[in-house]
């Protein structure tokens, strides 16, 4: 997978617009779009800025397999939510987990 496609995929997983990623990374939406479309080869400082904006390490962005585990994608999505929504989601997951365990018990 190309670097630009990986940036776009991860941005999509997090539900970020180009404008939001630009704000979080200190880059312009237009520039990020050209990187995602493969029209620009990013410098090291751009890779670092994009990784920071996506909340991951540069190594993960550049050297990643291109496949995130469901748990890492879930964690990234959860971290992107406001704290009160995070708490509610965690409470829901705890309840579902308890129900699943109790339904397995004889």
Protein backbone atom coordinates (compact mmCIF):
# COMPACT_ATOMS: atom_id res chain seq x y z
CA UNK A 1 0.00 0.00 0.00
CA UNK A 2 1.36 3.45 -0.84
CA UNK A 3 2.05 5.98 1.86
CA UNK A 4 -0.73 8.31 0.67
CA UNK A 5 -3.33 5.56 0.63
CA UNK A 6 -2.28 4.52 4.13
CA UNK A 7 -2.73 8.10 5.37
CA UNK A 8 -6.19 8.24 3.78
CA UNK A 9 -7.19 4.84 5.18
CA UNK A 10 -6.12 5.75 8.71
CA UNK A 11 -7.81 9.16 8.46
CA UNK A 12 -11.00 7.38 7.40
CA UNK A 13 -10.79 4.89 10.27
CA UNK A 14 -10.58 7.81 12.67
CA UNK A 15 -13.42 9.64 10.93
CA UNK A 16 -11.27 12.71 10.32
CA UNK A 17 -11.83 15.17 7.50
CA UNK A 18 -8.86 16.61 5.64
CA UNK A 19 -9.43 19.84 7.55
CA UNK A 20 -9.35 18.09 10.92
CA UNK A 21 -6.17 16.20 10.10
CA UNK A 22 -4.63 19.41 8.80
CA UNK A 23 -5.41 21.17 12.06
CA UNK A 24 -4.01 18.31 14.13
CA UNK A 25 -0.87 17.99 12.02
CA UNK A 26 -0.11 21.63 11.24
CA UNK A 27 -0.33 21.04 7.49
CA UNK A 28 -2.82 22.37 4.96
CA UNK A 29 -5.75 20.26 3.74
CA UNK A 30 -4.63 20.82 0.14
CA UNK A 31 -1.14 19.52 0.84
CA UNK A 32 -2.45 16.44 2.69
CA UNK A 33 -4.76 15.77 -0.27
CA UNK A 34 -1.83 15.82 -2.69
CA UNK A 35 0.06 13.37 -0.45
CA UNK A 36 -2.97 11.07 -0.20
CA UNK A 37 -3.38 11.14 -3.98
CA UNK A 38 0.29 10.28 -4.53
CA UNK A 39 1.12 13.56 -6.25
CA UNK A 40 3.72 14.48 -3.61
CA UNK A 41 6.44 12.56 -1.86
CA UNK A 42 6.37 13.74 1.75
CA UNK A 43 9.47 14.91 3.57
CA UNK A 44 10.43 13.40 6.91
CA UNK A 45 8.93 16.40 8.71
CA UNK A 46 5.64 15.84 6.84
CA UNK A 47 5.61 12.14 7.77
CA UNK A 48 6.19 13.09 11.42
CA UNK A 49 3.44 15.74 11.31
CA UNK A 50 0.93 13.36 9.73
CA UNK A 51 1.74 10.62 12.22
CA UNK A 52 1.26 13.08 15.08
CA UNK A 53 -2.06 14.22 13.60
CA UNK A 54 -3.20 10.60 13.31
CA UNK A 55 -2.05 9.81 16.84
CA UNK A 56 0.41 7.10 15.80
CA UNK A 57 4.16 6.73 15.47
CA UNK A 58 5.88 7.60 12.21
CA UNK A 59 7.22 4.05 12.07
CA UNK A 60 3.72 2.65 12.28
CA UNK A 61 2.58 4.94 9.47
CA UNK A 62 5.55 4.27 7.19
CA UNK A 63 6.44 0.72 8.07
CA UNK A 64 3.05 -0.61 8.97
CA UNK A 65 1.64 -3.65 7.30
CA UNK A 66 -1.31 -1.64 6.11
CA UNK A 67 -3.62 -3.79 8.19
CA UNK A 68 -4.75 -2.66 11.61
CA UNK A 69 -6.15 -5.11 14.07
CA UNK A 70 -9.77 -4.57 15.05
CA UNK A 71 -8.68 -3.72 18.58
CA UNK A 72 -6.21 -1.05 17.44
CA UNK A 73 -8.82 0.50 15.15
CA UNK A 74 -11.37 0.41 17.98
CA UNK A 75 -8.88 2.07 20.32
CA UNK A 76 -8.15 4.80 17.79
CA UNK A 77 -11.84 5.43 17.23
CA UNK A 78 -12.50 5.50 20.99
CA UNK A 79 -9.67 7.96 21.59
CA UNK A 80 -11.12 10.30 18.98
CA UNK A 81 -14.37 10.62 20.97
CA UNK A 82 -15.08 13.19 23.69
CA UNK A 83 -14.34 11.93 27.23
CA UNK A 84 -18.00 11.58 28.21
CA UNK A 85 -18.76 9.48 25.14
CA UNK A 86 -15.63 7.38 25.80
CA UNK A 87 -16.90 6.64 29.31
CA UNK A 88 -20.34 5.64 28.02
CA UNK A 89 -18.86 3.34 25.36
CA UNK A 90 -16.59 1.69 27.93
CA UNK A 91 -19.54 1.17 30.29
CA UNK A 92 -21.51 -0.44 27.46
CA UNK A 93 -18.60 -2.73 26.56
CA UNK A 94 -18.24 -3.80 30.19
CA UNK A 95 -21.94 -4.70 30.38
CA UNK A 96 -21.77 -6.65 27.11
CA UNK A 97 -18.65 -8.46 28.27
CA UNK A 98 -20.30 -9.49 31.55
CA UNK A 99 -23.40 -10.72 29.70
CA UNK A 100 -21.30 -12.77 27.32
CA UNK A 101 -19.34 -14.38 30.17
CA UNK A 102 -22.48 -15.16 32.15
CA UNK A 103 -24.18 -16.75 29.12
CA UNK A 104 -21.22 -19.13 28.74
CA UNK A 105 -21.36 -20.35 32.34
CA UNK A 106 -23.25 -23.66 32.85
